Amino acid sequence: MSKAFSPSYLEGTSEALPFLPLDFRQANDRKAAVEQAAQRPCDPRLVAILRRQNEAWGLSSSGDHNLRLLEQSGTVVVATGQQVGLFLGPLYTFYKAASAIAVARSLQEETGHSAVPIFWLQTEDHDFEEIRATHLPQPTGGPLRLEMPQDAETSEPRYSVQHRELTPTVQELTNTLASRLDGLPYSEEALRLFQKHYKPGTSWSDAFAGVLAACFAEEGLLLLNPRDPEVAALGSYIHEQAITHEADIEAALTQRVQELEAAGFQAQIAVREDCTLSFFHPERAEGDRYRLLRDGDNYKLAGYKGSYTLEALLEVLKSQPLRFSTSALLRPLLQDHLFPTAAYVGGPGELSYFAQLEPLYQWFKRPMPMIMPRGRFLVVNKDTHTMLQQWDLSVDDALQSSEQDLLARLQDGTIEGIRGIDIRQRAWEPLAQTFATMESDIVALEPNLDKTLARTLGSIENALDKLGQKIERVQLYQNTSLVQELKQVRSLLSPNGQPQERCYSLPYFVACCGLSSLKQAVWDTYTPFSYGVEVLHP
């Protein structure tokens, strides 16, 4: 059976390492990644676009400094990115940005080349379902889900999220946010941060970018929105090649999938037959987008009428490049066509699909950057830390033991009344002894009765054990305050069994800990070029 690529790669197995040409754990590979990126200057037109976009989101003096570095030869980029989710989406979005900043600092110190962190806003995508909701911890029950409604006119809109605006519902959600964060030490800071940007009529991308830029203004994080006419013009070469050489690219990517499968790995993204890696917006740039398919000598759209000649598509690409957008496999090529990227910081899924991409980089004659994992963190706030200390539990205890085992441990020796062991000692053991004295007389009546007796005694024993277990469970859960406190701690650390960073979003943790303390905890804890979950105590 095939397995996911990223766990094996992060373990450094010999089967996985060949699929990513540069190993982030090796100092020589890190240096090679920087040196090859440093050979490419950043296009002055792109720097001007970055300045225009980042000024709209609040360009800091540190950001201005990084823009000036990009104008200099030898400067490299450490990139990361994410979809523009509600209230920044999952907490790992924040960690991605923080990781890119830390990696840029480390590479600069290690190699002497200036390194600038850049966050790629994934605004070309049209999957609104993935970004429209976020979750907060709450005192009782599971995570609190906050969500924007789907479009009323269609259940499956296909236009890029760049062209979406926040509806009046966002005001209701920020009110809910205020109610949930009320009473937390830094609630006012968190509300100012999110209420300033998440307002009706603001685009999703601007709201997301405004918050992220504010979070990392001091560090000079730069953001790029690729769904921009000038960016599209700079990237049109990528789409031209993806369209005109679809068959060759498909063959190269299919061969890589076969190589992954031969090594025991599953491909993260399927390679579709006769499908270019570009999406086309047939009516207008702000309208729906469809996969562009090769159809003999012409091209068609999956799920949309009409057919196009190659000449017609290339003419649209030349005059209206924003009517084209990238797929997941093509997006990294656009990024690294634009930037001198030394490293890309991604999550496990991204590491897996980058394992498919080396043939595509070779086709475009573009060196593949070093791919490395983002930092992974678990926030243990002061209240949770205090509670664990009182219970003499470690974070691992709270995460890895069952709730019932933890309740038994916390109440060991304090529960009075009938116990499961009492049922066994006072009911089962005397009964078993009685039948043991009678067994020979019973078997003497009929030899086959020994099996019937054994089955009967086994059934009685199982029934009494289940009764004892149920009694003990009821007793464990009678301390309702302890049960609720334990549930709250476990829900904060691992909501519904998920990693904290994949479920909850940033507002709650800013309100609990303060933005500066949260960032500083990351800087103090994170070790670039390593991998593992780090516990934060902001």
Protein backbone atom coordinates (compact mmCIF):
# COMPACT_ATOMS: atom_id res chain seq x y z
CA MET A 1 0.00 0.00 0.00
CA SER A 2 1.32 3.45 -0.91
CA LYS A 3 2.07 5.99 1.80
CA ALA A 4 2.31 9.77 2.15
CA PHE A 5 5.61 11.25 1.05
CA SER A 6 6.23 13.96 3.64
CA PRO A 7 6.56 11.76 6.80
CA SER A 8 9.19 9.63 5.08
CA TYR A 9 11.02 12.68 3.77
CA LEU A 10 11.07 14.31 7.18
CA GLU A 11 12.46 11.09 8.64
CA GLY A 12 15.21 11.30 6.01
CA THR A 13 14.58 7.88 4.46
CA SER A 14 16.64 6.83 1.45
CA GLU A 15 13.44 6.25 -0.55
CA ALA A 16 12.21 9.83 -0.11
CA LEU A 17 15.33 12.02 -0.21
CA PRO A 18 15.99 11.74 -3.99
CA PHE A 19 12.66 13.38 -4.84
CA LEU A 20 13.70 16.77 -3.45
CA PRO A 21 17.11 17.79 -4.81
CA LEU A 22 18.21 19.92 -1.83
CA ASP A 23 18.03 18.66 1.75
CA PHE A 24 17.27 21.46 4.22
CA ARG A 25 19.13 19.55 6.97
CA GLN A 26 22.45 19.76 5.13
CA ALA A 27 24.49 22.98 5.46
CA ASN A 28 26.06 22.46 2.04
CA ASP A 29 22.64 22.15 0.42
CA ARG A 30 21.42 25.29 2.17
CA LYS A 31 24.43 27.17 0.89
CA ALA A 32 23.90 25.81 -2.62
CA ALA A 33 20.24 26.91 -2.55
CA VAL A 34 21.22 30.44 -1.61
CA GLU A 35 24.08 30.65 -4.09
CA GLN A 36 21.96 29.52 -7.04
CA ALA A 37 19.17 31.96 -6.14
CA ALA A 38 21.62 34.81 -5.63
CA GLN A 39 22.60 34.62 -9.31
CA ARG A 40 19.20 36.05 -10.30
CA PRO A 41 18.36 39.69 -9.58
CA CYS A 42 14.79 40.54 -8.69
CA ASP A 43 12.99 42.29 -11.58
CA PRO A 44 12.69 46.03 -10.74
CA ARG A 45 9.11 45.92 -12.06
CA LEU A 46 8.26 43.27 -9.48
CA VAL A 47 9.84 45.33 -6.69
CA ALA A 48 7.66 48.26 -7.77
CA ILE A 49 4.57 46.03 -7.65
CA LEU A 50 5.53 44.82 -4.18
CA ARG A 51 5.93 48.39 -3.00
CA ARG A 52 2.54 49.41 -4.39
CA GLN A 53 0.75 46.44 -2.87
CA ASN A 54 2.45 46.57 0.52
CA GLU A 55 1.91 50.30 0.88
CA ALA A 56 -1.82 49.61 0.57
CA TRP A 57 -1.58 47.15 3.48
CA GLY A 58 0.67 49.33 5.65
CA LEU A 59 4.33 49.20 4.66
CA SER A 60 6.59 49.39 7.71
CA SER A 61 10.11 50.78 7.82
CA SER A 62 11.40 47.20 8.06
CA GLY A 63 9.36 46.29 5.00
CA ASP A 64 10.78 49.26 3.15
CA HIS A 65 14.28 48.09 4.11
CA ASN A 66 13.55 44.65 2.68
CA LEU A 67 12.26 46.18 -0.55
CA ARG A 68 15.52 48.06 -0.88
CA LEU A 69 17.43 44.82 -0.31
CA LEU A 70 15.49 43.23 -3.18
CA GLU A 71 16.79 45.97 -5.45
CA GLN A 72 20.35 44.82 -4.73
CA SER A 73 22.09 41.97 -6.51
CA GLY A 74 22.72 38.86 -4.45
CA THR A 75 19.53 39.14 -2.36
CA VAL A 76 17.46 35.96 -2.16
CA VAL A 77 13.87 35.24 -1.16
CA VAL A 78 12.45 32.83 1.40
CA ALA A 79 8.86 32.27 0.35
CA THR A 80 5.77 30.80 1.91
CA GLY A 81 2.07 31.22 1.29
CA GLN A 82 -1.48 30.26 2.09
CA GLN A 83 -5.09 30.74 1.05
CA VAL A 84 -6.67 33.93 2.40
CA GLY A 85 -8.85 32.38 5.10
CA LEU A 86 -11.28 34.00 7.52
CA PHE A 87 -9.40 35.71 10.39
CA LEU A 88 -6.16 34.34 8.85
CA GLY A 89 -7.55 30.81 8.72
CA PRO A 90 -5.84 28.06 10.77
CA LEU A 91 -3.15 29.04 13.24
CA TYR A 92 -0.48 27.44 11.07
CA THR A 93 -0.81 30.38 8.66
CA PHE A 94 0.78 32.54 11.35
CA TYR A 95 3.45 29.89 11.91
CA LYS A 96 4.25 29.74 8.20
CA ALA A 97 4.95 33.45 8.10
CA ALA A 98 6.98 33.28 11.31
CA SER A 99 8.96 30.31 9.97
CA ALA A 100 9.80 32.11 6.72
CA ILE A 101 11.10 35.08 8.71
CA ALA A 102 13.22 32.85 10.94
CA VAL A 103 14.59 30.87 7.98
CA ALA A 104 15.49 34.09 6.13
CA ARG A 105 17.39 35.31 9.18
CA SER A 106 19.23 32.01 9.52
CA LEU A 107 20.19 31.76 5.85
CA GLN A 108 21.42 35.35 5.87
CA GLU A 109 23.57 34.68 8.92
CA GLU A 110 24.83 31.38 7.51
CA THR A 111 25.72 32.58 4.01
CA GLY A 112 26.16 36.34 4.18
CA HIS A 113 23.55 36.92 1.46
CA SER A 114 20.60 39.16 2.28
CA ALA A 115 17.42 37.08 2.54
CA VAL A 116 13.92 38.57 2.42
CA PRO A 117 10.76 36.74 3.62
CA ILE A 118 7.79 36.94 1.25
CA PHE A 119 4.28 35.62 1.81
CA TRP A 120 2.41 34.58 -1.35
CA LEU A 121 -1.32 35.27 -1.01
CA GLN A 122 -3.10 32.40 -2.73
CA THR A 123 -5.86 34.53 -4.27
CA GLU A 124 -6.15 32.72 -7.61
CA ASP A 125 -7.92 29.74 -6.11
CA HIS A 126 -11.72 29.56 -6.20
CA ASP A 127 -12.39 27.05 -3.40
CA PHE A 128 -14.41 29.27 -1.07
CA GLU A 129 -15.43 26.31 1.09
CA GLU A 130 -11.84 25.95 2.29
CA ILE A 131 -11.53 29.53 3.53
CA ARG A 132 -14.98 30.61 4.71
CA ALA A 133 -14.82 29.23 8.26
CA THR A 134 -12.56 29.38 11.28
CA HIS A 135 -12.70 28.04 14.83
CA LEU A 136 -12.19 29.34 18.36
CA PRO A 137 -11.84 27.52 21.67
CA GLN A 138 -14.80 27.90 24.01
CA PRO A 139 -15.28 27.06 27.70
CA THR A 140 -17.69 24.18 27.11
CA GLY A 141 -18.27 21.85 24.21
CA GLY A 142 -16.12 21.58 21.12
CA PRO A 143 -14.60 24.36 19.01
CA LEU A 144 -16.80 27.31 18.12
CA ARG A 145 -17.20 27.54 14.33
CA LEU A 146 -17.46 30.99 12.75
CA GLU A 147 -18.34 30.98 9.07
CA MET A 148 -19.32 33.17 6.18
CA PRO A 149 -22.27 31.84 4.16
CA GLN A 150 -21.84 30.40 0.70
CA ASP A 151 -23.08 32.45 -2.26
CA ALA A 152 -26.85 32.42 -2.56
CA GLU A 153 -26.82 32.39 -6.35
CA THR A 154 -24.72 29.27 -6.74
CA SER A 155 -23.51 26.43 -4.58
CA GLU A 156 -20.26 26.14 -6.51
CA PRO A 157 -18.84 29.52 -7.49
CA ARG A 158 -15.73 29.30 -9.64
CA TYR A 159 -14.31 32.82 -9.55
CA SER A 160 -11.03 33.51 -7.79
CA VAL A 161 -11.27 34.55 -4.16
CA GLN A 162 -9.44 37.76 -5.08
CA HIS A 163 -12.74 39.02 -6.47
CA ARG A 164 -14.75 38.34 -3.31
CA GLU A 165 -15.71 40.98 -0.79
CA LEU A 166 -16.66 40.47 2.82
CA THR A 167 -20.44 40.68 3.25
CA PRO A 168 -22.25 42.32 6.21
CA THR A 169 -22.16 38.93 7.94
CA VAL A 170 -18.55 39.64 8.84
CA GLN A 171 -19.80 42.28 11.31
CA GLU A 172 -21.81 39.58 13.09
CA LEU A 173 -18.72 37.39 13.22
CA THR A 174 -16.51 40.13 14.68
CA ASN A 175 -19.25 40.74 17.28
CA THR A 176 -19.15 37.03 18.15
CA LEU A 177 -15.38 37.29 18.29
CA ALA A 178 -15.64 40.19 20.73
CA SER A 179 -18.04 38.24 22.93
CA ARG A 180 -15.85 35.14 22.97
CA LEU A 181 -12.63 37.04 23.69
CA ASP A 182 -14.16 39.26 26.37
CA GLY A 183 -12.26 39.01 29.63
CA LEU A 184 -9.04 37.66 28.16
CA PRO A 185 -5.93 39.71 29.02
CA TYR A 186 -5.22 41.05 25.51
CA SER A 187 -8.73 40.97 24.06
CA GLU A 188 -8.64 44.65 23.07
CA GLU A 189 -5.41 44.16 21.12
CA ALA A 190 -6.85 41.16 19.28
CA LEU A 191 -10.12 42.94 18.45
CA ARG A 192 -8.35 46.06 17.18
CA LEU A 193 -6.21 43.91 14.90
CA PHE A 194 -9.07 41.99 13.31
CA GLN A 195 -11.90 44.53 13.42
CA LYS A 196 -9.75 47.08 11.62
CA HIS A 197 -9.37 44.85 8.56
CA TYR A 198 -12.33 42.46 8.49
CA LYS A 199 -15.09 44.89 7.54
CA PRO A 200 -18.01 44.66 5.09
CA GLY A 201 -16.99 45.67 1.59
CA THR A 202 -13.30 44.86 2.09
CA SER A 203 -11.90 42.18 -0.18
CA TRP A 204 -10.94 38.90 1.44
CA SER A 205 -7.37 39.33 0.23
CA ASP A 206 -7.00 42.86 1.61
CA ALA A 207 -8.44 41.88 5.00
CA PHE A 208 -6.10 38.89 5.28
CA ALA A 209 -3.08 40.85 4.03
CA GLY A 210 -3.78 43.79 6.33
CA VAL A 211 -3.78 41.58 9.42
CA LEU A 212 -0.71 39.59 8.41
CA ALA A 213 1.23 42.74 7.48
CA ALA A 214 0.36 44.25 10.87
CA CYS A 215 1.40 41.10 12.70
CA PHE A 216 4.86 41.09 11.15
CA ALA A 217 5.44 44.79 10.43
CA GLU A 218 8.42 44.87 12.78
CA GLU A 219 10.04 41.96 10.95
CA GLY A 220 9.44 43.45 7.50
CA LEU A 221 7.42 40.58 6.04
CA LEU A 222 6.43 41.40 2.45
CA LEU A 223 3.28 40.05 0.82
CA LEU A 224 2.46 39.50 -2.83
CA ASN A 225 -1.00 39.19 -4.35
CA PRO A 226 -0.51 37.41 -7.71
CA ARG A 227 -4.05 38.24 -8.84
CA ASP A 228 -2.87 41.58 -10.15
CA PRO A 229 -2.72 42.74 -13.81
CA GLU A 230 0.95 43.68 -13.61
CA VAL A 231 1.93 40.42 -11.91
CA ALA A 232 -0.08 38.51 -14.52
CA ALA A 233 1.82 40.25 -17.29
CA LEU A 234 5.17 39.29 -15.74
CA GLY A 235 4.02 35.69 -15.40
CA SER A 236 2.44 35.20 -18.83
CA TYR A 237 5.47 33.20 -20.05
CA ILE A 238 4.63 30.46 -17.54
CA HIS A 239 1.12 30.05 -18.92
CA GLU A 240 2.33 30.19 -22.52
CA GLN A 241 4.70 27.28 -21.91
CA ALA A 242 2.15 25.32 -19.86
CA ILE A 243 -0.38 25.57 -22.70
CA THR A 244 1.80 25.07 -25.75
CA HIS A 245 3.78 22.17 -24.27
CA GLU A 246 0.96 20.45 -22.36
CA ALA A 247 1.66 16.97 -23.75
CA ASP A 248 5.38 17.02 -22.91
CA ILE A 249 4.74 18.43 -19.43
CA GLU A 250 2.04 15.83 -18.80
CA ALA A 251 4.43 13.05 -19.83
CA ALA A 252 7.16 14.33 -17.50
CA LEU A 253 4.79 14.68 -14.55
CA THR A 254 3.23 11.26 -15.21
CA GLN A 255 6.66 9.66 -15.18
CA ARG A 256 7.40 11.32 -11.82
CA VAL A 257 4.14 9.94 -10.40
CA GLN A 258 5.19 6.47 -11.55
CA GLU A 259 8.57 6.94 -9.87
CA LEU A 260 6.89 7.99 -6.63
CA GLU A 261 4.58 5.00 -6.77
CA ALA A 262 7.48 2.66 -7.47
CA ALA A 263 9.15 4.01 -4.33
CA GLY A 264 5.99 3.29 -2.34
CA PHE A 265 4.54 6.81 -2.23
CA GLN A 266 1.21 8.18 -3.33
CA ALA A 267 1.08 11.30 -5.49
CA GLN A 268 -0.37 14.28 -3.63
CA ILE A 269 -1.97 15.73 -6.79
CA ALA A 270 -3.32 13.68 -9.68
CA VAL A 271 -1.99 14.41 -13.16
CA ARG A 272 -5.04 14.83 -15.39
CA GLU A 273 -4.97 13.55 -18.93
CA ASP A 274 -4.87 16.24 -21.65
CA CYS A 275 -5.10 18.93 -18.96
CA THR A 276 -2.87 21.98 -19.00
CA LEU A 277 -1.71 23.35 -15.66
CA SER A 278 -3.46 26.65 -16.38
CA PHE A 279 -7.00 27.76 -15.62
CA PHE A 280 -8.81 30.05 -18.06
CA HIS A 281 -11.46 32.68 -17.28
CA PRO A 282 -13.54 32.61 -20.47
CA GLU A 283 -15.77 35.63 -19.87
CA ARG A 284 -13.68 38.06 -17.85
CA ALA A 285 -10.84 38.07 -15.34
CA GLU A 286 -13.27 38.51 -12.45
CA GLY A 287 -15.48 35.65 -13.68
CA ASP A 288 -15.48 31.89 -13.31
CA ARG A 289 -12.36 29.94 -14.13
CA TYR A 290 -12.12 26.47 -15.68
CA ARG A 291 -9.42 23.91 -16.29
CA LEU A 292 -8.00 24.27 -19.78
CA LEU A 293 -7.92 20.98 -21.68
CA ARG A 294 -6.19 20.04 -24.90
CA ASP A 295 -8.71 18.76 -27.46
CA GLY A 296 -6.78 17.61 -30.52
CA ASP A 297 -5.34 20.73 -32.10
CA ASN A 298 -7.65 22.98 -30.07
CA TYR A 299 -8.48 23.57 -26.43
CA LYS A 300 -11.67 23.32 -24.41
CA LEU A 301 -12.76 24.02 -20.85
CA ALA A 302 -13.83 21.38 -18.33
CA GLY A 303 -17.47 22.15 -17.53
CA TYR A 304 -17.89 25.04 -19.95
CA LYS A 305 -18.98 25.30 -23.54
CA GLY A 306 -16.82 26.42 -26.40
CA SER A 307 -13.52 25.64 -28.06
CA TYR A 308 -10.38 27.72 -28.60
CA THR A 309 -7.49 27.59 -30.99
CA LEU A 310 -3.99 27.93 -29.65
CA GLU A 311 -3.64 31.23 -31.50
CA ALA A 312 -6.79 32.61 -29.89
CA LEU A 313 -5.63 31.65 -26.39
CA LEU A 314 -2.20 33.17 -26.89
CA GLU A 315 -3.77 36.38 -28.14
CA VAL A 316 -5.90 36.60 -24.97
CA LEU A 317 -2.82 35.81 -22.88
CA LYS A 318 -0.94 38.64 -24.55
CA SER A 319 -3.69 41.25 -24.19
CA GLN A 320 -5.46 40.07 -20.99
CA PRO A 321 -3.06 37.87 -18.99
CA LEU A 322 -5.24 38.14 -15.87
CA ARG A 323 -7.74 35.83 -17.57
CA PHE A 324 -5.33 32.99 -16.80
CA SER A 325 -4.56 31.59 -13.34
CA THR A 326 -2.45 28.76 -11.99
CA SER A 327 -3.24 25.31 -10.68
CA ALA A 328 -1.58 23.95 -7.54
CA LEU A 329 1.22 22.36 -9.59
CA LEU A 330 1.91 25.48 -11.64
CA ARG A 331 1.76 28.06 -8.83
CA PRO A 332 5.29 27.30 -7.52
CA LEU A 333 6.71 27.79 -11.02
CA LEU A 334 5.08 31.21 -11.26
CA GLN A 335 6.47 32.11 -7.84
CA ASP A 336 9.99 31.04 -8.73
CA HIS A 337 9.79 32.60 -12.19
CA LEU A 338 9.18 35.92 -10.46
CA PHE A 339 11.47 35.64 -7.43
CA PRO A 340 15.04 34.49 -6.77
CA THR A 341 13.72 31.91 -4.32
CA ALA A 342 16.27 30.12 -2.18
CA ALA A 343 13.77 28.27 0.01
CA TYR A 344 10.06 27.60 0.23
CA VAL A 345 8.55 26.94 3.66
CA GLY A 346 5.51 24.68 3.49
CA GLY A 347 3.29 22.25 5.31
CA PRO A 348 3.27 18.45 4.92
CA GLY A 349 0.93 18.50 1.92
CA GLU A 350 3.08 21.05 0.14
CA LEU A 351 6.23 18.99 0.70
CA SER A 352 4.41 16.08 -0.92
CA TYR A 353 3.39 17.92 -4.05
CA PHE A 354 6.81 19.53 -4.42
CA ALA A 355 8.10 15.95 -4.66
CA GLN A 356 6.20 15.79 -7.97
CA LEU A 357 7.62 19.03 -9.36
CA GLU A 358 11.31 18.54 -10.16
CA PRO A 359 10.53 17.50 -13.78
CA LEU A 360 8.45 20.65 -14.19
CA TYR A 361 11.30 22.84 -12.94
CA GLN A 362 13.64 21.04 -15.34
CA TRP A 363 11.23 21.69 -18.21
CA PHE A 364 11.20 25.40 -17.41
CA LYS A 365 14.99 25.37 -16.93
CA ARG A 366 14.51 26.80 -13.48
CA PRO A 367 16.45 25.53 -10.42
CA MET A 368 14.18 24.14 -7.77
CA PRO A 369 14.45 25.94 -4.43
CA MET A 370 15.13 24.17 -1.17
CA ILE A 371 11.83 22.87 0.26
CA MET A 372 11.58 22.81 4.01
CA PRO A 373 8.86 22.28 6.63
CA ARG A 374 7.24 25.13 8.50
CA GLY A 375 7.54 25.29 12.26
CA ARG A 376 4.96 23.27 14.17
CA PHE A 377 3.83 24.58 17.54
CA LEU A 378 1.44 23.91 20.39
CA VAL A 379 0.49 26.90 22.52
CA VAL A 380 0.05 26.20 26.23
CA ASN A 381 -1.25 29.41 27.76
CA LYS A 382 -0.77 30.34 31.41
CA ASP A 383 -4.11 29.01 32.62
CA THR A 384 -3.59 25.67 30.90
CA HIS A 385 0.01 25.45 32.14
CA THR A 386 -1.11 26.15 35.72
CA MET A 387 -3.82 23.49 35.50
CA LEU A 388 -1.41 20.86 34.20
CA GLN A 389 1.04 21.67 36.97
CA GLN A 390 -1.67 21.30 39.61
CA TRP A 391 -2.56 17.91 38.19
CA ASP A 392 1.09 16.88 37.82
CA LEU A 393 0.46 16.15 34.14
CA SER A 394 2.75 16.80 31.21
CA VAL A 395 1.49 18.03 27.86
CA ASP A 396 2.15 14.55 26.47
CA ASP A 397 0.08 13.02 29.28
CA ALA A 398 -2.85 15.27 28.41
CA LEU A 399 -2.60 14.52 24.69
CA GLN A 400 -1.76 10.81 24.63
CA SER A 401 -3.79 9.35 27.50
CA SER A 402 -7.52 8.74 27.24
CA GLU A 403 -9.88 11.01 29.11
CA GLN A 404 -11.02 8.14 31.34
CA ASP A 405 -7.45 7.14 32.21
CA LEU A 406 -6.65 10.76 33.10
CA LEU A 407 -9.72 11.04 35.31
CA ALA A 408 -8.75 7.81 37.06
CA ARG A 409 -5.23 9.11 37.62
CA LEU A 410 -6.42 12.47 38.92
CA GLN A 411 -8.91 10.85 41.33
CA ASP A 412 -6.83 7.88 42.40
CA GLY A 413 -7.74 6.92 45.98
CA THR A 414 -10.39 9.63 46.33
CA ILE A 415 -13.47 7.80 44.98
CA GLU A 416 -15.67 6.11 47.57
CA GLY A 417 -18.40 3.50 47.09
CA ILE A 418 -18.61 0.38 44.98
CA ARG A 419 -15.66 -0.17 42.65
CA GLY A 420 -15.13 -2.53 39.79
CA ILE A 421 -12.75 -4.54 41.93
CA ASP A 422 -15.51 -4.87 44.56
CA ILE A 423 -17.80 -6.47 41.99
CA ARG A 424 -15.12 -9.02 41.15
CA GLN A 425 -14.15 -9.76 44.76
CA ARG A 426 -17.61 -9.79 46.29
CA ALA A 427 -19.69 -11.26 43.46
CA TRP A 428 -17.61 -13.08 40.88
CA GLU A 429 -14.89 -14.75 42.94
CA PRO A 430 -17.31 -16.44 45.43
CA LEU A 431 -19.49 -17.55 42.53
CA ALA A 432 -16.53 -18.97 40.65
CA GLN A 433 -15.35 -20.83 43.74
CA THR A 434 -18.83 -22.29 44.32
CA PHE A 435 -19.06 -23.66 40.80
CA ALA A 436 -15.49 -24.97 41.04
CA THR A 437 -16.61 -27.23 43.91
CA MET A 438 -19.64 -28.35 41.89
CA GLU A 439 -17.87 -28.90 38.57
CA SER A 440 -17.03 -32.59 39.09
CA ASP A 441 -20.62 -33.42 40.11
CA ILE A 442 -21.99 -31.54 37.07
CA VAL A 443 -19.61 -33.25 34.64
CA ALA A 444 -20.44 -36.61 36.19
CA LEU A 445 -24.02 -36.16 35.04
CA GLU A 446 -22.99 -35.49 31.43
CA PRO A 447 -19.36 -34.95 30.21
CA ASN A 448 -20.39 -32.34 27.62
CA LEU A 449 -21.73 -30.12 30.39
CA ASP A 450 -18.15 -28.95 31.08
CA LYS A 451 -18.28 -26.81 27.92
CA THR A 452 -21.70 -25.44 28.82
CA LEU A 453 -20.47 -24.60 32.31
CA ALA A 454 -17.36 -22.84 30.96
CA ARG A 455 -19.43 -20.76 28.53
CA THR A 456 -21.92 -19.84 31.25
CA LEU A 457 -19.22 -18.82 33.69
CA GLY A 458 -17.45 -16.83 30.98
CA SER A 459 -20.63 -14.94 30.15
CA ILE A 460 -21.26 -14.18 33.82
CA GLU A 461 -17.66 -13.00 34.29
CA ASN A 462 -17.84 -10.73 31.24
CA ALA A 463 -21.17 -9.28 32.32
CA LEU A 464 -19.91 -8.55 35.83
CA ASP A 465 -16.71 -6.98 34.47
CA LYS A 466 -18.75 -4.70 32.16
CA LEU A 467 -20.95 -3.77 35.11
CA GLY A 468 -17.87 -2.92 37.15
CA GLN A 469 -16.41 -0.84 34.33
CA LYS A 470 -19.66 1.05 33.90
CA ILE A 471 -19.87 1.73 37.64
CA GLU A 472 -16.29 3.02 37.68
CA ARG A 473 -16.94 5.23 34.66
CA VAL A 474 -20.00 6.75 36.32
CA GLN A 475 -17.99 7.40 39.46
CA LEU A 476 -15.11 8.97 37.53
CA TYR A 477 -17.49 11.42 35.87
CA GLN A 478 -19.38 12.43 39.03
CA ASN A 479 -16.84 15.18 39.72
CA THR A 480 -18.36 17.44 37.09
CA SER A 481 -16.06 20.40 37.71
CA LEU A 482 -12.94 18.27 37.24
CA VAL A 483 -14.44 16.65 34.14
CA GLN A 484 -15.21 20.04 32.63
CA GLU A 485 -11.73 21.42 33.40
CA LEU A 486 -10.07 18.38 31.85
CA LYS A 487 -12.27 18.54 28.75
CA GLN A 488 -11.44 22.23 28.35
CA VAL A 489 -7.69 21.62 28.61
CA ARG A 490 -7.77 18.72 26.17
CA SER A 491 -9.99 20.62 23.74
CA LEU A 492 -7.58 23.56 23.75
CA LEU A 493 -4.56 21.33 23.12
CA SER A 494 -6.16 18.95 20.62
CA PRO A 495 -9.65 20.00 19.46
CA ASN A 496 -11.63 16.96 18.34
CA GLY A 497 -8.39 15.04 18.18
CA GLN A 498 -6.83 17.44 15.64
CA PRO A 499 -3.56 19.34 16.05
CA GLN A 500 -4.32 22.71 17.65
CA GLU A 501 -2.67 24.62 14.79
CA ARG A 502 -4.90 23.01 12.14
CA CYS A 503 -8.18 23.89 13.84
CA TYR A 504 -8.01 27.11 15.84
CA SER A 505 -7.22 30.55 14.46
CA LEU A 506 -5.06 33.40 15.70
CA PRO A 507 -7.52 35.80 17.47
CA TYR A 508 -7.94 33.70 20.63
CA PHE A 509 -4.20 33.26 21.15
CA VAL A 510 -3.45 36.95 20.64
CA ALA A 511 -6.19 37.71 23.18
CA CYS A 512 -4.72 35.21 25.65
CA CYS A 513 -1.03 35.94 25.27
CA GLY A 514 -0.51 39.19 23.35
CA LEU A 515 0.93 39.32 19.85
CA SER A 516 4.47 40.26 20.93
CA SER A 517 4.66 37.46 23.49
CA LEU A 518 3.35 34.93 20.98
CA LYS A 519 5.91 35.95 18.37
CA GLN A 520 8.73 36.00 20.88
CA ALA A 521 7.80 32.51 22.04
CA VAL A 522 8.13 31.35 18.43
CA TRP A 523 11.51 33.03 17.97
CA ASP A 524 12.77 31.61 21.28
CA THR A 525 11.57 28.07 20.53
CA TYR A 526 11.86 27.55 16.79
CA THR A 527 15.04 26.01 15.43
CA PRO A 528 15.15 26.37 11.64
CA PHE A 529 16.29 23.35 9.65
CA SER A 530 14.83 20.96 12.21
CA TYR A 531 11.44 19.31 12.45
CA GLY A 532 9.09 18.50 15.31
CA VAL A 533 6.28 19.97 17.37
CA GLU A 534 7.51 22.61 19.81
CA VAL A 535 5.52 23.66 22.87
CA LEU A 536 5.12 27.42 23.32
CA HIS A 537 4.64 29.07 26.72
CA PRO A 538 4.00 32.73 25.80
